[in-house]
Amino acid sequence: MVLTTSKLRENIYRFLDQVLKTGQPLEIERKGRRLKIVPVKPAGKLNNLPSRSIVSGSPESIVHIDWSKEWKPKIK
């Protein structure tokens, strides 16, 4: 759907609610150019976590560690 800025101004809240409800972008034409209003997906909780460097050394070295002394399978 393409609107003029005048049409958008008449009912901006209705159009914004429609974009949120349907997820469909809304295009506005202004001075011969188009603008787009799109809904943005909320960031997940994990996106707010700070980045941390946990591995000390080369991550590749972890692949070759012998864990057999540390790990014992449960026997039923």
PDB file of N, CA and C in Angstrom:
ATOM      1  N   MET A   1       0.848  -1.172   0.000  1.00  0.00           N
ATOM      2  CA  MET A   1       0.000   0.000   0.000  1.00  0.00           C
ATOM      3  C   MET A   1       0.895   1.237   0.000  1.00  0.00           C
ATOM      4  N   VAL A   2       0.618   2.174  -0.897  1.00  0.00           N
ATOM      5  CA  VAL A   2       1.378   3.414  -0.984  1.00  0.00           C
ATOM      6  C   VAL A   2       0.447   4.574  -0.636  1.00  0.00           C
ATOM      7  N   LEU A   3       0.870   5.390   0.310  1.00  0.00           N
ATOM      8  CA  LEU A   3       0.080   6.541   0.736  1.00  0.00           C
ATOM      9  C   LEU A   3       0.827   7.826   0.464  1.00  0.00           C
ATOM     10  N   THR A   4       0.077   8.902   0.355  1.00  0.00           N
ATOM     11  CA  THR A   4       0.700  10.221   0.336  1.00  0.00           C
ATOM     12  C   THR A   4       0.872  10.651   1.794  1.00  0.00           C
ATOM     13  N   THR A   5       1.710  11.634   2.008  1.00  0.00           N
ATOM     14  CA  THR A   5       1.913  12.109   3.386  1.00  0.00           C
ATOM     15  C   THR A   5       0.635  12.715   3.944  1.00  0.00           C
ATOM     16  N   SER A   6      -0.175  13.342   3.104  1.00  0.00           N
ATOM     17  CA  SER A   6      -1.444  13.921   3.567  1.00  0.00           C
ATOM     18  C   SER A   6      -2.385  12.836   4.067  1.00  0.00           C
ATOM     19  N   LYS A   7      -2.466  11.733   3.330  1.00  0.00           N
ATOM     20  CA  LYS A   7      -3.333  10.624   3.728  1.00  0.00           C
ATOM     21  C   LYS A   7      -2.814   9.988   5.020  1.00  0.00           C
ATOM     22  N   LEU A   8      -1.514   9.864   5.139  1.00  0.00           N
ATOM     23  CA  LEU A   8      -0.921   9.310   6.362  1.00  0.00           C
ATOM     24  C   LEU A   8      -1.255  10.194   7.557  1.00  0.00           C
ATOM     25  N   ARG A   9      -1.141  11.499   7.381  1.00  0.00           N
ATOM     26  CA  ARG A   9      -1.389  12.452   8.462  1.00  0.00           C
ATOM     27  C   ARG A   9      -2.834  12.365   8.973  1.00  0.00           C
ATOM     28  N   GLU A  10      -3.764  12.081   8.079  1.00  0.00           N
ATOM     29  CA  GLU A  10      -5.177  11.990   8.468  1.00  0.00           C
ATOM     30  C   GLU A  10      -5.435  10.898   9.499  1.00  0.00           C
ATOM     31  N   ASN A  11      -4.747   9.778   9.360  1.00  0.00           N
ATOM     32  CA  ASN A  11      -5.016   8.617  10.210  1.00  0.00           C
ATOM     33  C   ASN A  11      -3.735   7.873  10.571  1.00  0.00           C
ATOM     34  N   ILE A  12      -2.746   8.579  11.031  1.00  0.00           N
ATOM     35  CA  ILE A  12      -1.443   7.964  11.258  1.00  0.00           C
ATOM     36  C   ILE A  12      -1.503   6.800  12.245  1.00  0.00           C
ATOM     37  N   TYR A  13      -2.278   6.933  13.328  1.00  0.00           N
ATOM     38  CA  TYR A  13      -2.318   5.872  14.331  1.00  0.00           C
ATOM     39  C   TYR A  13      -2.988   4.609  13.787  1.00  0.00           C
ATOM     40  N   ARG A  14      -4.004   4.777  12.985  1.00  0.00           N
ATOM     41  CA  ARG A  14      -4.667   3.614  12.384  1.00  0.00           C
ATOM     42  C   ARG A  14      -3.703   2.881  11.452  1.00  0.00           C
ATOM     43  N   PHE A  15      -2.952   3.633  10.645  1.00  0.00           N
ATOM     44  CA  PHE A  15      -1.993   3.010   9.731  1.00  0.00           C
ATOM     45  C   PHE A  15      -0.857   2.325  10.491  1.00  0.00           C
ATOM     46  N   LEU A  16      -0.372   2.955  11.541  1.00  0.00           N
ATOM     47  CA  LEU A  16       0.701   2.340  12.333  1.00  0.00           C
ATOM     48  C   LEU A  16       0.218   1.061  13.004  1.00  0.00           C
ATOM     49  N   ASP A  17      -0.999   1.087  13.542  1.00  0.00           N
ATOM     50  CA  ASP A  17      -1.576  -0.114  14.151  1.00  0.00           C
ATOM     51  C   ASP A  17      -1.742  -1.227  13.125  1.00  0.00           C
ATOM     52  N   GLN A  18      -2.107  -0.848  11.910  1.00  0.00           N
ATOM     53  CA  GLN A  18      -2.269  -1.829  10.835  1.00  0.00           C
ATOM     54  C   GLN A  18      -0.934  -2.494  10.505  1.00  0.00           C
ATOM     55  N   VAL A  19       0.138  -1.726  10.458  1.00  0.00           N
ATOM     56  CA  VAL A  19       1.466  -2.284  10.192  1.00  0.00           C
ATOM     57  C   VAL A  19       1.853  -3.255  11.308  1.00  0.00           C
ATOM     58  N   LEU A  20       1.597  -2.876  12.552  1.00  0.00           N
ATOM     59  CA  LEU A  20       1.924  -3.754  13.668  1.00  0.00           C
ATOM     60  C   LEU A  20       1.094  -5.032  13.651  1.00  0.00           C
ATOM     61  N   LYS A  21      -0.172  -4.916  13.310  1.00  0.00           N
ATOM     62  CA  LYS A  21      -1.078  -6.061  13.326  1.00  0.00           C
ATOM     63  C   LYS A  21      -0.774  -7.041  12.194  1.00  0.00           C
ATOM     64  N   THR A  22      -0.574  -6.519  10.992  1.00  0.00           N
ATOM     65  CA  THR A  22      -0.405  -7.385   9.817  1.00  0.00           C
ATOM     66  C   THR A  22       1.056  -7.734   9.537  1.00  0.00           C
ATOM     67  N   GLY A  23       1.968  -6.889   9.987  1.00  0.00           N
ATOM     68  CA  GLY A  23       3.380  -7.111   9.669  1.00  0.00           C
ATOM     69  C   GLY A  23       3.750  -6.643   8.275  1.00  0.00           C
ATOM     70  N   GLN A  24       2.773  -6.107   7.539  1.00  0.00           N
ATOM     71  CA  GLN A  24       3.023  -5.635   6.183  1.00  0.00           C
ATOM     72  C   GLN A  24       3.584  -4.216   6.205  1.00  0.00           C
ATOM     73  N   PRO A  25       4.665  -3.963   5.464  1.00  0.00           N
ATOM     74  CA  PRO A  25       5.233  -2.616   5.408  1.00  0.00           C
ATOM     75  C   PRO A  25       4.260  -1.629   4.769  1.00  0.00           C
ATOM     76  N   LEU A  26       4.425  -0.378   5.104  1.00  0.00           N
ATOM     77  CA  LEU A  26       3.605   0.696   4.564  1.00  0.00           C
ATOM     78  C   LEU A  26       4.542   1.668   3.853  1.00  0.00           C
ATOM     79  N   GLU A  27       4.222   1.988   2.614  1.00  0.00           N
ATOM     80  CA  GLU A  27       5.042   2.919   1.846  1.00  0.00           C
ATOM     81  C   GLU A  27       4.352   4.268   1.759  1.00  0.00           C
ATOM     82  N   ILE A  28       5.157   5.308   1.917  1.00  0.00           N
ATOM     83  CA  ILE A  28       4.668   6.677   1.836  1.00  0.00           C
ATOM     84  C   ILE A  28       5.431   7.372   0.729  1.00  0.00           C
ATOM     85  N   GLU A  29       4.711   8.072  -0.115  1.00  0.00           N
ATOM     86  CA  GLU A  29       5.375   8.814  -1.186  1.00  0.00           C
ATOM     87  C   GLU A  29       5.462  10.279  -0.792  1.00  0.00           C
ATOM     88  N   ARG A  30       6.671  10.823  -0.909  1.00  0.00           N
ATOM     89  CA  ARG A  30       6.912  12.229  -0.550  1.00  0.00           C
ATOM     90  C   ARG A  30       7.913  12.809  -1.538  1.00  0.00           C
ATOM     91  N   LYS A  31       7.508  13.847  -2.236  1.00  0.00           N
ATOM     92  CA  LYS A  31       8.368  14.533  -3.212  1.00  0.00           C
ATOM     93  C   LYS A  31       8.966  13.569  -4.236  1.00  0.00           C
ATOM     94  N   GLY A  32       8.126  12.643  -4.704  1.00  0.00           N
ATOM     95  CA  GLY A  32       8.571  11.718  -5.736  1.00  0.00           C
ATOM     96  C   GLY A  32       9.429  10.566  -5.232  1.00  0.00           C
ATOM     97  N   ARG A  33       9.650  10.480  -3.942  1.00  0.00           N
ATOM     98  CA  ARG A  33      10.450   9.399  -3.371  1.00  0.00           C
ATOM     99  C   ARG A  33       9.583   8.616  -2.393  1.00  0.00           C
ATOM    100  N   ARG A  34       9.999   7.381  -2.126  1.00  0.00           N
ATOM    101  CA  ARG A  34       9.215   6.532  -1.233  1.00  0.00           C
ATOM    102  C   ARG A  34       9.955   6.244   0.062  1.00  0.00           C
ATOM    103  N   LEU A  35       9.167   6.241   1.118  1.00  0.00           N
ATOM    104  CA  LEU A  35       9.656   5.868   2.449  1.00  0.00           C
ATOM    105  C   LEU A  35       8.889   4.621   2.854  1.00  0.00           C
ATOM    106  N   LYS A  36       9.466   3.827   3.746  1.00  0.00           N
ATOM    107  CA  LYS A  36       8.803   2.602   4.142  1.00  0.00           C
ATOM    108  C   LYS A  36       8.762   2.513   5.666  1.00  0.00           C
ATOM    109  N   ILE A  37       7.588   2.201   6.199  1.00  0.00           N
ATOM    110  CA  ILE A  37       7.421   1.940   7.630  1.00  0.00           C
ATOM    111  C   ILE A  37       7.277   0.437   7.768  1.00  0.00           C
ATOM    112  N   VAL A  38       8.195  -0.165   8.495  1.00  0.00           N
ATOM    113  CA  VAL A  38       8.180  -1.623   8.673  1.00  0.00           C
ATOM    114  C   VAL A  38       8.235  -1.956  10.162  1.00  0.00           C
ATOM    115  N   PRO A  39       7.584  -3.036  10.566  1.00  0.00           N
ATOM    116  CA  PRO A  39       7.681  -3.448  11.964  1.00  0.00           C
ATOM    117  C   PRO A  39       9.060  -4.063  12.219  1.00  0.00           C
ATOM    118  N   VAL A  40       9.585  -3.827  13.392  1.00  0.00           N
ATOM    119  CA  VAL A  40      10.897  -4.364  13.767  1.00  0.00           C
ATOM    120  C   VAL A  40      10.676  -5.471  14.778  1.00  0.00           C
ATOM    121  N   LYS A  41      11.331  -6.599  14.559  1.00  0.00           N
ATOM    122  CA  LYS A  41      11.212  -7.704  15.503  1.00  0.00           C
ATOM    123  C   LYS A  41      11.917  -7.313  16.798  1.00  0.00           C
ATOM    124  N   PRO A  42      11.265  -7.565  17.927  1.00  0.00           N
ATOM    125  CA  PRO A  42      11.923  -7.238  19.191  1.00  0.00           C
ATOM    126  C   PRO A  42      13.152  -8.126  19.393  1.00  0.00           C
ATOM    127  N   ALA A  43      14.159  -7.539  19.976  1.00  0.00           N
ATOM    128  CA  ALA A  43      15.374  -8.293  20.248  1.00  0.00           C
ATOM    129  C   ALA A  43      15.096  -9.306  21.351  1.00  0.00           C
ATOM    130  N   GLY A  44      15.679 -10.470  21.236  1.00  0.00           N
ATOM    131  CA  GLY A  44      15.526 -11.493  22.261  1.00  0.00           C
ATOM    132  C   GLY A  44      16.358 -11.156  23.489  1.00  0.00           C
ATOM    133  N   LYS A  45      16.081 -11.852  24.561  1.00  0.00           N
ATOM    134  CA  LYS A  45      16.800 -11.610  25.806  1.00  0.00           C
ATOM    135  C   LYS A  45      18.299 -11.862  25.649  1.00  0.00           C
ATOM    136  N   LEU A  46      18.654 -12.836  24.828  1.00  0.00           N
ATOM    137  CA  LEU A  46      20.067 -13.175  24.668  1.00  0.00           C
ATOM    138  C   LEU A  46      20.843 -12.085  23.937  1.00  0.00           C
ATOM    139  N   ASN A  47      20.158 -11.266  23.145  1.00  0.00           N
ATOM    140  CA  ASN A  47      20.844 -10.189  22.434  1.00  0.00           C
ATOM    141  C   ASN A  47      21.346  -9.103  23.374  1.00  0.00           C
ATOM    142  N   ASN A  48      20.793  -9.026  24.588  1.00  0.00           N
ATOM    143  CA  ASN A  48      21.196  -8.003  25.542  1.00  0.00           C
ATOM    144  C   ASN A  48      22.397  -8.416  26.390  1.00  0.00           C
ATOM    145  N   LEU A  49      22.806  -9.672  26.294  1.00  0.00           N
ATOM    146  CA  LEU A  49      23.933 -10.137  27.098  1.00  0.00           C
ATOM    147  C   LEU A  49      25.240  -9.564  26.562  1.00  0.00           C
ATOM    148  N   PRO A  50      26.139  -9.171  27.457  1.00  0.00           N
ATOM    149  CA  PRO A  50      27.431  -8.669  26.992  1.00  0.00           C
ATOM    150  C   PRO A  50      28.273  -9.809  26.419  1.00  0.00           C
ATOM    151  N   SER A  51      29.059  -9.477  25.430  1.00  0.00           N
ATOM    152  CA  SER A  51      29.952 -10.459  24.827  1.00  0.00           C
ATOM    153  C   SER A  51      31.138 -10.697  25.753  1.00  0.00           C
ATOM    154  N   ARG A  52      31.457 -11.962  25.946  1.00  0.00           N
ATOM    155  CA  ARG A  52      32.577 -12.299  26.836  1.00  0.00           C
ATOM    156  C   ARG A  52      33.500 -13.288  26.149  1.00  0.00           C
ATOM    157  N   SER A  53      34.773 -13.163  26.423  1.00  0.00           N
ATOM    158  CA  SER A  53      35.750 -14.116  25.921  1.00  0.00           C
ATOM    159  C   SER A  53      36.003 -15.125  27.037  1.00  0.00           C
ATOM    160  N   ILE A  54      35.511 -16.330  26.870  1.00  0.00           N
ATOM    161  CA  ILE A  54      35.600 -17.335  27.932  1.00  0.00           C
ATOM    162  C   ILE A  54      36.787 -18.259  27.726  1.00  0.00           C
ATOM    163  N   VAL A  55      37.081 -18.586  26.486  1.00  0.00           N
ATOM    164  CA  VAL A  55      38.140 -19.535  26.196  1.00  0.00           C
ATOM    165  C   VAL A  55      39.487 -18.854  26.315  1.00  0.00           C
ATOM    166  N   SER A  56      40.321 -19.421  27.164  1.00  0.00           N
ATOM    167  CA  SER A  56      41.684 -18.913  27.307  1.00  0.00           C
ATOM    168  C   SER A  56      42.578 -19.749  26.412  1.00  0.00           C
ATOM    169  N   GLY A  57      43.119 -19.159  25.386  1.00  0.00           N
ATOM    170  CA  GLY A  57      43.945 -19.913  24.454  1.00  0.00           C
ATOM    171  C   GLY A  57      43.171 -20.170  23.174  1.00  0.00           C
ATOM    172  N   SER A  58      43.612 -21.174  22.459  1.00  0.00           N
ATOM    173  CA  SER A  58      43.013 -21.501  21.168  1.00  0.00           C
ATOM    174  C   SER A  58      41.780 -22.389  21.364  1.00  0.00           C
ATOM    175  N   PRO A  59      40.643 -22.017  20.800  1.00  0.00           N
ATOM    176  CA  PRO A  59      39.464 -22.882  20.899  1.00  0.00           C
ATOM    177  C   PRO A  59      39.706 -24.257  20.267  1.00  0.00           C
ATOM    178  N   GLU A  60      40.571 -24.310  19.291  1.00  0.00           N
ATOM    179  CA  GLU A  60      40.885 -25.585  18.638  1.00  0.00           C
ATOM    180  C   GLU A  60      41.544 -26.566  19.607  1.00  0.00           C
ATOM    181  N   SER A  61      42.273 -26.043  20.600  1.00  0.00           N
ATOM    182  CA  SER A  61      42.941 -26.936  21.553  1.00  0.00           C
ATOM    183  C   SER A  61      41.948 -27.679  22.444  1.00  0.00           C
ATOM    184  N   ILE A  62      40.760 -27.148  22.629  1.00  0.00           N
ATOM    185  CA  ILE A  62      39.749 -27.800  23.461  1.00  0.00           C
ATOM    186  C   ILE A  62      39.250 -29.075  22.801  1.00  0.00           C
ATOM    187  N   VAL A  63      39.226 -29.106  21.491  1.00  0.00           N
ATOM    188  CA  VAL A  63      38.710 -30.256  20.761  1.00  0.00           C
ATOM    189  C   VAL A  63      39.523 -31.507  21.064  1.00  0.00           C
ATOM    190  N   HIS A  64      40.799 -31.355  21.311  1.00  0.00           N
ATOM    191  CA  HIS A  64      41.685 -32.503  21.457  1.00  0.00           C
ATOM    192  C   HIS A  64      42.001 -32.851  22.910  1.00  0.00           C
ATOM    193  N   ILE A  65      41.267 -32.324  23.865  1.00  0.00           N
ATOM    194  CA  ILE A  65      41.498 -32.645  25.277  1.00  0.00           C
ATOM    195  C   ILE A  65      40.950 -34.037  25.575  1.00  0.00           C
ATOM    196  N   ASP A  66      41.708 -34.815  26.334  1.00  0.00           N
ATOM    197  CA  ASP A  66      41.263 -36.141  26.754  1.00  0.00           C
ATOM    198  C   ASP A  66      40.467 -35.997  28.050  1.00  0.00           C
ATOM    199  N   TRP A  67      39.162 -36.192  27.973  1.00  0.00           N
ATOM    200  CA  TRP A  67      38.278 -36.034  29.131  1.00  0.00           C
ATOM    201  C   TRP A  67      37.967 -37.363  29.809  1.00  0.00           C
ATOM    202  N   SER A  68      38.589 -38.439  29.385  1.00  0.00           N
ATOM    203  CA  SER A  68      38.233 -39.757  29.900  1.00  0.00           C
ATOM    204  C   SER A  68      38.466 -39.895  31.408  1.00  0.00           C
ATOM    205  N   LYS A  69      39.426 -39.189  31.996  1.00  0.00           N
ATOM    206  CA  LYS A  69      39.672 -39.255  33.439  1.00  0.00           C
ATOM    207  C   LYS A  69      38.617 -38.464  34.213  1.00  0.00           C
ATOM    208  N   GLU A  70      38.022 -37.456  33.598  1.00  0.00           N
ATOM    209  CA  GLU A  70      37.051 -36.581  34.259  1.00  0.00           C
ATOM    210  C   GLU A  70      35.614 -37.084  34.126  1.00  0.00           C
ATOM    211  N   TRP A  71      35.330 -37.777  33.056  1.00  0.00           N
ATOM    212  CA  TRP A  71      33.966 -38.176  32.751  1.00  0.00           C
ATOM    213  C   TRP A  71      33.796 -39.665  32.943  1.00  0.00           C
ATOM    214  N   LYS A  72      32.786 -40.020  33.703  1.00  0.00           N
ATOM    215  CA  LYS A  72      32.486 -41.433  33.901  1.00  0.00           C
ATOM    216  C   LYS A  72      30.999 -41.630  33.589  1.00  0.00           C
ATOM    217  N   PRO A  73      30.703 -42.549  32.681  1.00  0.00           N
ATOM    218  CA  PRO A  73      29.295 -42.781  32.341  1.00  0.00           C
ATOM    219  C   PRO A  73      28.540 -43.413  33.494  1.00  0.00           C
ATOM    220  N   LYS A  74      27.244 -43.090  33.597  1.00  0.00           N
ATOM    221  CA  LYS A  74      26.415 -43.698  34.628  1.00  0.00           C
ATOM    222  C   LYS A  74      26.064 -45.122  34.198  1.00  0.00           C
ATOM    223  N   ILE A  75      26.252 -46.044  35.108  1.00  0.00           N
ATOM    224  CA  ILE A  75      25.917 -47.437  34.835  1.00  0.00           C
ATOM    225  C   ILE A  75      24.670 -47.788  35.628  1.00  0.00           C
ATOM    226  N   LYS A  76      23.701 -48.361  34.927  1.00  0.00           N
ATOM    227  CA  LYS A  76      22.441 -48.705  35.596  1.00  0.00           C
ATOM    228  C   LYS A  76      22.461 -50.096  36.117  1.00  0.00           C
TER     229      LYS A  76
END
